Amino acid sequence: MENFEVINPTRILFGKNQLFRLPELLRSFEVQKIMIVYGGGSVKQLGILDKLINELKGFDVFEFGGVEANPEYATLMDGVALAQKHEIDFFLAVGGGSVIDGVKFMSGALFYEGEPWDVLDKKEGCMFEKALPFGTVLTLPATGSEANSGAVISRRDLKQKRGMGGPLFFPKFSFCNPELVATLPKRQIANGIIDAYTHTLEQYLTFPSDNVLQERQAESILKTLIDIRGVIENPSDYKLASNLMWCATQALNGNLRCGVISDWATHMIGHELTAMYGIDHAQSLAIIAPRLFEHQFENKQEKLIQYGKRVWNLHGTDQTIAKLAIEKTEEFFQSLGVKTRISEYTSDYEGTDSAIMNVFLERGWVAIGERQAIRPEDVKSIVKSAY
């Protein structure tokens, strides 16, 4: 088992009728001016915002809406300016991973004296050294952002996505109410399942590790997500919705990475598809993952066999099981109503392979994946095979 260090200070309040705890938690941080940050307005239409404001009587409450599905740098900087103007001392992110990611960025950018994009661009000497405390009210289970310190921010004018994170960016608390799954469109629920599933695969589908517990925990999340896929058609089923929400949290709260080597190449390539074409994050993962597994078949074969046997209950020769495991994964994504080819999202895909390869070269990403075996020319091949 690899050495590891793990800490997760986020308090999770899971289940129904928990929002009455909000004032108590906020008072423990001695805050008065709170900015509620949300996305496209569904929190207003569903009455969630009104409930929050009712719970926040006695606090000075400000609102900032309009955070995009891929949180846009310019939008977030408008939020930073508003928070500075009102001297906000706590953010409350109300939404899914995009809103929460946006708040993580805002909480660090609020105190940064230079150009915050330089931090995301990993320029030498640029880093967030202070962050405003924040909490979350999760409305969409998918990214696990409610229980981790990572975030991904988009910049449309540059057609780029950048990651950030660190100990400063754990939410102080997160309210996770599975009842809210019933308010979501099918597309968002399907995306959430794929997001959680692929987060798990990135930390599991590498090569066999000595961390037997982590292997089994990852497999249990994968099997559970397969079993509860009916939540798309039955989002008000509390059993299905609660298991989806908890799987998504567990998939990326730091537990699965303990003592194992992870991959994340699918995410790195997928981010570029989102930046170039606006393809949903989860959709980009569904496009790239099967093709990457095929390209890296020899490197991943041992784990594909284990995955095929334990998660999909496959039988046959080892090679047959490994190949069928990839097919089953793609079929699973498709069964959720998600397409798995770039050409199914855009007709303007010619040259995408070279464009993404060049992005990797420009950034110096010359060896990625769990074995550092994926080179920029491999990225080109993977993308082309996903047309």
Protein backbone atom coordinates (compact mmCIF):
# COMPACT_ATOMS: atom_id res chain seq x y z
CA MET A 1 0.00 0.00 0.00
CA GLU A 2 1.28 3.47 -0.88
CA ASN A 3 1.95 6.06 1.83
CA PHE A 4 -0.87 8.53 2.29
CA GLU A 5 -2.13 11.39 4.40
CA VAL A 6 -5.82 12.24 4.46
CA ILE A 7 -7.97 14.83 6.20
CA ASN A 8 -11.52 15.89 5.54
CA PRO A 9 -12.85 18.55 7.91
CA THR A 10 -16.21 19.06 6.18
CA ARG A 11 -19.26 18.45 8.34
CA ILE A 12 -21.94 16.57 6.36
CA LEU A 13 -25.59 17.03 7.32
CA PHE A 14 -27.28 14.30 5.31
CA GLY A 15 -31.01 13.74 4.94
CA LYS A 16 -34.35 15.47 5.23
CA ASN A 17 -35.25 18.57 7.25
CA GLN A 18 -31.74 19.63 8.24
CA LEU A 19 -31.71 23.32 7.27
CA PHE A 20 -32.85 24.45 10.71
CA ARG A 21 -29.23 23.75 11.77
CA LEU A 22 -27.92 26.49 9.46
CA PRO A 23 -28.06 29.47 11.90
CA GLU A 24 -26.39 27.43 14.62
CA LEU A 25 -23.53 26.46 12.33
CA LEU A 26 -23.04 30.00 11.03
CA ARG A 27 -22.93 31.45 14.53
CA SER A 28 -20.12 29.04 15.36
CA PHE A 29 -18.05 30.88 12.74
CA GLU A 30 -19.04 34.29 14.13
CA VAL A 31 -20.24 35.64 10.79
CA GLN A 32 -22.89 38.23 9.99
CA LYS A 33 -22.72 39.07 6.27
CA ILE A 34 -23.53 36.07 4.11
CA MET A 35 -23.60 35.84 0.31
CA ILE A 36 -25.78 33.10 -1.17
CA VAL A 37 -24.30 32.00 -4.50
CA TYR A 38 -26.39 29.98 -6.94
CA GLY A 39 -26.76 29.10 -10.63
CA GLY A 40 -29.55 29.51 -13.15
CA GLY A 41 -32.44 30.35 -10.87
CA SER A 42 -33.99 26.93 -10.15
CA VAL A 43 -33.28 27.51 -6.47
CA LYS A 44 -35.71 30.42 -6.67
CA GLN A 45 -38.35 28.54 -8.65
CA LEU A 46 -38.24 25.58 -6.28
CA GLY A 47 -38.50 27.73 -3.18
CA ILE A 48 -35.08 26.71 -1.86
CA LEU A 49 -33.84 30.28 -1.76
CA ASP A 50 -36.89 31.43 0.20
CA LYS A 51 -36.36 28.64 2.74
CA LEU A 52 -32.74 29.65 3.20
CA ILE A 53 -33.53 33.33 3.60
CA ASN A 54 -36.19 32.42 6.17
CA GLU A 55 -33.61 30.41 8.13
CA LEU A 56 -31.13 33.29 7.89
CA LYS A 57 -33.22 35.90 9.67
CA GLY A 58 -30.89 37.90 11.86
CA PHE A 59 -28.06 37.75 9.33
CA ASP A 60 -27.27 40.23 6.55
CA VAL A 61 -27.97 38.23 3.39
CA PHE A 62 -26.82 39.08 -0.14
CA GLU A 63 -27.42 37.13 -3.34
CA PHE A 64 -25.28 36.35 -6.38
CA GLY A 65 -26.82 34.20 -9.10
CA GLY A 66 -25.96 33.16 -12.63
CA VAL A 67 -23.01 30.81 -12.05
CA GLU A 68 -22.80 28.65 -15.17
CA ALA A 69 -22.78 24.86 -15.49
CA ASN A 70 -19.05 25.25 -16.18
CA PRO A 71 -18.30 28.11 -13.79
CA GLU A 72 -17.02 31.00 -15.87
CA TYR A 73 -14.07 33.04 -14.63
CA ALA A 74 -15.56 36.41 -15.63
CA THR A 75 -18.84 35.65 -13.86
CA LEU A 76 -17.04 34.57 -10.71
CA MET A 77 -14.92 37.72 -10.72
CA ASP A 78 -18.17 39.75 -10.76
CA GLY A 79 -19.15 37.82 -7.67
CA VAL A 80 -15.81 38.56 -6.05
CA ALA A 81 -16.28 42.28 -6.70
CA LEU A 82 -19.76 42.20 -5.14
CA ALA A 83 -18.48 40.32 -2.10
CA GLN A 84 -15.68 42.85 -1.64
CA LYS A 85 -18.14 45.74 -1.95
CA HIS A 86 -20.38 44.36 0.82
CA GLU A 87 -17.51 43.03 2.93
CA ILE A 88 -18.97 39.53 2.96
CA ASP A 89 -17.60 37.22 5.63
CA PHE A 90 -19.17 33.89 4.56
CA PHE A 91 -20.24 32.31 1.26
CA LEU A 92 -23.11 29.83 1.02
CA ALA A 93 -23.04 27.84 -2.23
CA VAL A 94 -26.48 26.55 -3.22
CA GLY A 95 -26.35 24.19 -6.17
CA GLY A 96 -24.29 21.40 -7.66
CA GLY A 97 -20.59 21.02 -8.23
CA SER A 98 -20.29 23.99 -10.57
CA VAL A 99 -21.66 26.47 -8.05
CA ILE A 100 -19.60 24.94 -5.25
CA ASP A 101 -16.45 25.00 -7.41
CA GLY A 102 -17.17 28.62 -8.25
CA VAL A 103 -17.42 29.52 -4.57
CA LYS A 104 -14.14 27.77 -3.83
CA PHE A 105 -12.47 29.98 -6.41
CA MET A 106 -14.24 33.11 -5.18
CA SER A 107 -13.23 32.40 -1.59
CA GLY A 108 -9.54 32.49 -2.56
CA ALA A 109 -9.73 35.21 -5.22
CA LEU A 110 -11.41 37.54 -2.72
CA PHE A 111 -8.11 38.12 -0.92
CA TYR A 112 -5.70 37.76 -3.83
CA GLU A 113 -4.01 41.01 -4.81
CA GLY A 114 -2.87 39.98 -8.28
CA GLU A 115 -4.64 38.40 -11.25
CA PRO A 116 -6.39 35.28 -9.88
CA TRP A 117 -6.17 33.48 -13.22
CA ASP A 118 -2.40 33.37 -12.71
CA VAL A 119 -3.03 31.06 -9.76
CA LEU A 120 -5.17 28.76 -11.88
CA ASP A 121 -2.59 28.94 -14.66
CA LYS A 122 0.02 27.73 -12.13
CA LYS A 123 2.34 30.67 -12.74
CA GLU A 124 5.44 30.55 -10.59
CA GLY A 125 4.97 32.13 -7.17
CA CYS A 126 1.20 32.56 -7.60
CA MET A 127 -1.04 30.91 -5.00
CA PHE A 128 -4.05 31.62 -2.82
CA GLU A 129 -2.86 32.01 0.76
CA LYS A 130 -6.17 32.89 2.41
CA ALA A 131 -9.80 31.94 1.76
CA LEU A 132 -13.18 33.09 3.01
CA PRO A 133 -15.04 30.33 4.87
CA PHE A 134 -17.98 28.81 3.02
CA GLY A 135 -20.63 26.14 3.29
CA THR A 136 -22.83 24.38 0.76
CA VAL A 137 -26.42 23.31 0.21
CA LEU A 138 -26.13 20.52 -2.36
CA THR A 139 -28.90 20.32 -4.95
CA LEU A 140 -27.26 18.02 -7.53
CA PRO A 141 -25.25 14.90 -6.58
CA ALA A 142 -22.38 14.43 -9.01
CA THR A 143 -18.95 15.90 -8.41
CA GLY A 144 -18.38 15.35 -4.69
CA SER A 145 -17.35 19.01 -4.46
CA GLU A 146 -19.45 19.31 -1.31
CA ALA A 147 -16.90 17.16 0.52
CA ASN A 148 -13.54 17.89 -1.08
CA SER A 149 -11.18 20.80 -1.68
CA GLY A 150 -10.92 20.69 -5.48
CA ALA A 151 -12.50 22.88 -8.15
CA VAL A 152 -12.43 23.35 -11.93
CA ILE A 153 -12.94 26.80 -13.46
CA SER A 154 -13.59 27.67 -17.12
CA ARG A 155 -12.50 30.68 -19.12
CA ARG A 156 -14.50 31.02 -22.29
CA ASP A 157 -12.35 33.68 -23.96
CA LEU A 158 -9.31 31.38 -23.76
CA LYS A 159 -11.28 28.13 -24.28
CA GLN A 160 -9.58 26.70 -21.22
CA LYS A 161 -10.47 24.90 -18.00
CA ARG A 162 -8.19 24.96 -14.98
CA GLY A 163 -8.15 23.05 -11.71
CA MET A 164 -7.37 24.36 -8.25
CA GLY A 165 -7.61 23.18 -4.67
CA GLY A 166 -5.85 22.70 -1.37
CA PRO A 167 -6.60 22.62 2.36
CA LEU A 168 -8.12 26.12 2.32
CA PHE A 169 -11.00 25.00 0.11
CA PHE A 170 -12.88 22.39 2.10
CA PRO A 171 -16.45 23.49 2.83
CA LYS A 172 -17.05 24.08 6.52
CA PHE A 173 -20.31 22.17 6.21
CA SER A 174 -22.56 20.71 3.53
CA PHE A 175 -26.28 20.04 3.64
CA CYS A 176 -27.13 17.00 1.49
CA ASN A 177 -30.87 16.41 1.09
CA PRO A 178 -31.70 13.57 -1.33
CA GLU A 179 -35.26 14.88 -1.70
CA LEU A 180 -33.86 17.55 -4.02
CA VAL A 181 -32.95 14.91 -6.61
CA ALA A 182 -36.67 14.82 -7.48
CA THR A 183 -36.41 18.41 -8.74
CA LEU A 184 -33.72 17.62 -11.32
CA PRO A 185 -34.05 16.99 -15.07
CA LYS A 186 -33.16 13.47 -16.25
CA ARG A 187 -30.09 14.79 -18.05
CA GLN A 188 -28.60 16.16 -14.83
CA ILE A 189 -29.28 12.96 -12.90
CA ALA A 190 -27.67 10.89 -15.66
CA ASN A 191 -24.68 13.21 -15.67
CA GLY A 192 -24.41 12.87 -11.90
CA ILE A 193 -24.31 9.08 -12.10
CA ILE A 194 -21.62 9.16 -14.79
CA ASP A 195 -19.60 11.76 -12.90
CA ALA A 196 -19.55 9.68 -9.72
CA TYR A 197 -18.88 6.47 -11.67
CA THR A 198 -15.95 7.96 -13.56
CA HIS A 199 -14.49 9.60 -10.46
CA THR A 200 -14.41 6.13 -8.97
CA LEU A 201 -12.88 4.55 -12.08
CA GLU A 202 -10.11 7.17 -12.17
CA GLN A 203 -8.97 5.97 -8.74
CA TYR A 204 -9.68 2.28 -9.29
CA LEU A 205 -9.17 1.22 -12.91
CA THR A 206 -5.37 1.49 -12.90
CA PHE A 207 -3.46 -1.61 -11.77
CA PRO A 208 -4.06 -3.94 -8.79
CA SER A 209 -3.05 -2.40 -5.48
CA ASP A 210 -2.31 -3.81 -2.03
CA ASN A 211 -5.07 -1.69 -0.52
CA VAL A 212 -7.73 -4.39 -0.48
CA LEU A 213 -10.19 -2.21 1.42
CA GLN A 214 -9.96 0.62 -1.11
CA GLU A 215 -10.46 -1.83 -3.98
CA ARG A 216 -13.64 -3.17 -2.42
CA GLN A 217 -14.96 0.28 -1.51
CA ALA A 218 -14.53 1.46 -5.09
CA GLU A 219 -16.26 -1.65 -6.41
CA SER A 220 -19.17 -1.18 -4.01
CA ILE A 221 -19.70 2.39 -5.25
CA LEU A 222 -19.63 1.22 -8.88
CA LYS A 223 -22.07 -1.63 -8.24
CA THR A 224 -24.39 0.64 -6.27
CA LEU A 225 -24.48 3.22 -9.07
CA ILE A 226 -25.36 0.48 -11.54
CA ASP A 227 -28.08 -0.84 -9.23
CA ILE A 228 -29.73 2.54 -8.60
CA ARG A 229 -29.76 3.81 -12.18
CA GLY A 230 -33.57 3.67 -11.98
CA VAL A 231 -33.38 6.97 -10.11
CA ILE A 232 -33.45 8.67 -13.52
CA GLU A 233 -37.04 7.53 -14.04
CA ASN A 234 -37.94 7.56 -10.33
CA PRO A 235 -36.13 10.56 -8.81
CA SER A 236 -38.60 10.85 -5.93
CA ASP A 237 -37.67 7.35 -4.72
CA TYR A 238 -35.79 8.31 -1.56
CA LYS A 239 -33.86 5.03 -1.38
CA LEU A 240 -32.50 5.48 -4.89
CA ALA A 241 -31.87 9.22 -4.53
CA SER A 242 -30.12 8.95 -1.16
CA ASN A 243 -27.80 6.21 -2.40
CA LEU A 244 -26.94 8.23 -5.49
CA MET A 245 -26.15 11.29 -3.39
CA TRP A 246 -23.99 9.37 -0.92
CA CYS A 247 -22.16 7.51 -3.71
CA ALA A 248 -21.30 10.80 -5.38
CA THR A 249 -19.92 12.17 -2.12
CA GLN A 250 -17.94 9.02 -1.34
CA ALA A 251 -16.51 8.84 -4.86
CA LEU A 252 -14.46 12.00 -4.39
CA ASN A 253 -14.17 12.87 -0.70
CA GLY A 254 -10.58 11.61 -0.51
CA ASN A 255 -11.19 8.08 0.75
CA LEU A 256 -10.73 6.17 -2.50
CA ARG A 257 -7.33 7.67 -3.22
CA CYS A 258 -5.81 6.45 0.08
CA GLY A 259 -2.84 4.20 -0.56
CA VAL A 260 -3.42 3.80 -4.30
CA ILE A 261 -2.12 5.34 -7.52
CA SER A 262 -4.80 7.16 -9.54
CA ASP A 263 -5.21 8.03 -13.22
CA TRP A 264 -7.25 11.21 -14.10
CA ALA A 265 -6.25 11.20 -17.78
CA THR A 266 -9.90 10.84 -18.83
CA HIS A 267 -10.72 14.02 -16.93
CA MET A 268 -7.77 15.92 -18.35
CA ILE A 269 -8.81 15.09 -21.92
CA GLY A 270 -12.51 15.50 -21.24
CA HIS A 271 -12.02 18.99 -19.85
CA GLU A 272 -10.70 20.07 -23.23
CA LEU A 273 -13.80 18.76 -25.01
CA THR A 274 -15.93 20.83 -22.65
CA ALA A 275 -13.77 23.89 -23.19
CA MET A 276 -13.89 23.52 -26.98
CA TYR A 277 -17.51 22.48 -27.54
CA GLY A 278 -19.42 23.10 -24.33
CA ILE A 279 -20.11 19.38 -23.96
CA ASP A 280 -21.32 18.58 -20.44
CA HIS A 281 -18.51 17.45 -18.17
CA ALA A 282 -20.01 14.01 -17.57
CA GLN A 283 -20.73 13.59 -21.27
CA SER A 284 -17.07 14.29 -22.06
CA LEU A 285 -16.08 11.55 -19.61
CA ALA A 286 -18.49 9.09 -21.23
CA ILE A 287 -16.91 9.90 -24.60
CA ILE A 288 -13.28 9.53 -23.56
CA ALA A 289 -13.23 6.78 -20.90
CA PRO A 290 -14.04 3.75 -23.10
CA ARG A 291 -11.60 4.86 -25.80
CA LEU A 292 -8.85 5.51 -23.27
CA PHE A 293 -9.38 2.08 -21.71
CA GLU A 294 -9.07 0.51 -25.18
CA HIS A 295 -5.91 2.48 -25.93
CA GLN A 296 -4.37 1.56 -22.58
CA PHE A 297 -5.66 -2.02 -22.67
CA GLU A 298 -2.32 -3.70 -21.95
CA ASN A 299 -1.53 -1.36 -19.05
CA LYS A 300 -4.99 -1.72 -17.53
CA GLN A 301 -5.73 -5.34 -18.41
CA GLU A 302 -5.21 -6.80 -14.93
CA LYS A 303 -7.59 -4.29 -13.39
CA LEU A 304 -10.09 -4.57 -16.24
CA ILE A 305 -10.29 -8.30 -15.51
CA GLN A 306 -10.87 -7.67 -11.81
CA TYR A 307 -13.44 -4.96 -12.61
CA GLY A 308 -15.22 -7.22 -15.09
CA LYS A 309 -15.45 -10.11 -12.66
CA ARG A 310 -16.32 -8.23 -9.50
CA VAL A 311 -18.51 -5.40 -10.79
CA TRP A 312 -20.10 -6.90 -13.93
CA ASN A 313 -19.97 -10.60 -12.93
CA LEU A 314 -18.42 -11.51 -16.29
CA HIS A 315 -17.12 -14.97 -17.22
CA GLY A 316 -14.79 -16.33 -19.89
CA THR A 317 -11.10 -15.99 -20.66
CA ASP A 318 -9.26 -13.12 -19.02
CA GLN A 319 -8.89 -11.26 -22.31
CA THR A 320 -12.57 -11.66 -23.10
CA ILE A 321 -13.56 -10.39 -19.65
CA ALA A 322 -11.29 -7.35 -19.97
CA LYS A 323 -12.74 -6.40 -23.36
CA LEU A 324 -16.32 -7.00 -22.25
CA ALA A 325 -15.74 -4.82 -19.19
CA ILE A 326 -15.05 -1.86 -21.47
CA GLU A 327 -18.13 -2.66 -23.55
CA LYS A 328 -20.28 -2.95 -20.43
CA THR A 329 -19.03 0.42 -19.21
CA GLU A 330 -19.94 2.15 -22.46
CA GLU A 331 -23.31 0.38 -22.58
CA PHE A 332 -23.98 1.55 -19.03
CA PHE A 333 -23.37 5.17 -20.01
CA GLN A 334 -25.59 4.75 -23.05
CA SER A 335 -28.33 3.15 -20.93
CA LEU A 336 -28.50 6.44 -19.04
CA GLY A 337 -29.29 8.25 -22.29
CA VAL A 338 -25.76 9.66 -22.76
CA LYS A 339 -24.03 9.50 -26.14
CA THR A 340 -20.43 8.32 -26.28
CA ARG A 341 -19.03 9.80 -29.51
CA ILE A 342 -17.84 13.36 -30.23
CA SER A 343 -19.66 13.33 -33.59
CA GLU A 344 -22.94 12.85 -31.74
CA TYR A 345 -22.49 16.28 -30.14
CA THR A 346 -20.96 18.35 -32.93
CA SER A 347 -20.33 18.12 -36.66
CA ASP A 348 -17.29 20.37 -36.31
CA TYR A 349 -14.99 17.74 -34.83
CA GLU A 350 -12.30 17.40 -37.52
CA GLY A 351 -8.94 18.42 -36.10
CA THR A 352 -10.04 18.05 -32.47
CA ASP A 353 -7.40 15.37 -31.92
CA SER A 354 -4.53 17.63 -33.02
CA ALA A 355 -5.94 20.63 -31.17
CA ILE A 356 -6.10 18.79 -27.85
CA MET A 357 -2.67 17.24 -28.38
CA ASN A 358 -1.26 20.73 -28.91
CA VAL A 359 -2.90 21.94 -25.69
CA PHE A 360 -1.14 19.16 -23.79
CA LEU A 361 2.19 20.02 -25.44
CA GLU A 362 1.79 23.72 -24.63
CA ARG A 363 1.13 22.97 -20.98
CA GLY A 364 3.96 20.50 -20.69
CA TRP A 365 1.64 17.57 -19.97
CA VAL A 366 3.90 15.02 -21.63
CA ALA A 367 3.31 11.96 -19.42
CA ILE A 368 -0.04 11.34 -17.73
CA GLY A 369 -2.03 8.42 -16.35
CA GLU A 370 -1.24 6.03 -13.52
CA ARG A 371 1.88 4.74 -15.28
CA GLN A 372 2.77 8.09 -16.87
CA ALA A 373 2.42 6.17 -20.13
CA ILE A 374 0.05 8.48 -22.00
CA ARG A 375 1.97 10.94 -24.18
CA PRO A 376 0.52 13.82 -26.21
CA GLU A 377 0.52 11.65 -29.34
CA ASP A 378 -1.48 9.05 -27.36
CA VAL A 379 -3.96 11.74 -26.39
CA LYS A 380 -4.36 12.51 -30.11
CA SER A 381 -5.06 8.83 -30.87
CA ILE A 382 -7.57 8.52 -28.03
CA VAL A 383 -9.49 11.61 -29.12
CA LYS A 384 -9.51 10.55 -32.77
CA SER A 385 -10.84 7.13 -31.85
CA ALA A 386 -13.68 8.89 -30.00
CA TYR A 387 -14.98 10.65 -33.16
